[in-house]
């Protein structure tokens, strides 16, 4: 299985900022996105799966 190469911008994301990752495998992106936030000062909110601009993916939001 191919691994995803996504750079999650947790360290440069402002509080209450969001970013969207288009994907067809949301469970893997959610797991990797939350793991990527561990090394930063970011506290992520619960990721939301949905459609943005016609693309299916995951929306991440930073709480603190």
Protein backbone atom coordinates (compact mmCIF):
# COMPACT_ATOMS: atom_id res chain seq x y z
CA UNK A 1 0.00 0.00 0.00
CA UNK A 2 1.28 3.45 -0.90
CA UNK A 3 2.10 5.76 2.01
CA UNK A 4 0.85 9.33 1.97
CA UNK A 5 3.32 12.23 1.94
CA UNK A 6 1.34 15.06 3.50
CA UNK A 7 2.93 17.96 5.37
CA UNK A 8 0.59 19.02 8.15
CA UNK A 9 0.99 22.75 9.00
CA UNK A 10 0.30 22.46 12.75
CA UNK A 11 3.28 24.58 13.84
CA UNK A 12 2.44 27.59 11.65
CA UNK A 13 -1.35 27.39 12.01
CA UNK A 14 -2.94 30.13 14.14
CA UNK A 15 -5.40 29.31 16.93
CA UNK A 16 -8.83 28.37 15.50
CA UNK A 17 -7.19 28.08 12.08
CA UNK A 18 -8.19 25.27 9.74
CA UNK A 19 -6.71 23.33 6.86
CA UNK A 20 -8.24 20.78 4.49
CA UNK A 21 -6.57 17.62 3.22
CA UNK A 22 -8.26 16.10 0.14
CA UNK A 23 -8.18 12.30 0.27
CA UNK A 24 -10.12 9.15 -0.45
CA UNK A 25 -8.71 7.50 2.69
CA UNK A 26 -9.91 9.71 5.56
CA UNK A 27 -9.16 7.21 8.34
CA UNK A 28 -5.45 7.17 7.48
CA UNK A 29 -5.26 10.96 7.08
CA UNK A 30 -6.99 11.52 10.43
CA UNK A 31 -4.57 9.18 12.21
CA UNK A 32 -1.49 10.70 10.56
CA UNK A 33 -2.72 14.26 11.06
CA UNK A 34 -3.31 13.80 14.76
CA UNK A 35 0.06 12.06 15.17
CA UNK A 36 1.76 14.98 13.37
CA UNK A 37 0.35 17.42 15.94
CA UNK A 38 2.06 15.63 18.84
CA UNK A 39 5.47 17.26 18.34
CA UNK A 40 4.03 20.78 18.17
CA UNK A 41 2.29 23.07 20.65
CA UNK A 42 -1.00 22.59 18.75
CA UNK A 43 -4.09 21.06 20.34
CA UNK A 44 -6.28 19.79 17.50
CA UNK A 45 -10.08 19.66 17.56
CA UNK A 46 -11.95 16.59 16.32
CA UNK A 47 -11.27 16.24 12.57
CA UNK A 48 -14.31 16.49 10.30
CA UNK A 49 -14.77 14.42 7.14
CA UNK A 50 -16.60 16.21 4.35
CA UNK A 51 -16.58 17.85 0.93
CA UNK A 52 -14.95 21.20 0.19
CA UNK A 53 -14.91 22.75 -3.30
CA UNK A 54 -16.06 19.42 -4.74
CA UNK A 55 -13.24 17.43 -3.13
CA UNK A 56 -13.72 14.77 -0.44
CA UNK A 57 -11.33 14.95 2.49
CA UNK A 58 -10.64 15.86 6.11
CA UNK A 59 -10.85 19.29 7.75
CA UNK A 60 -8.52 19.85 10.70
CA UNK A 61 -8.89 22.72 13.19
CA UNK A 62 -6.48 23.92 15.87
CA UNK A 63 -7.94 24.66 19.31
CA UNK A 64 -4.88 25.94 21.19
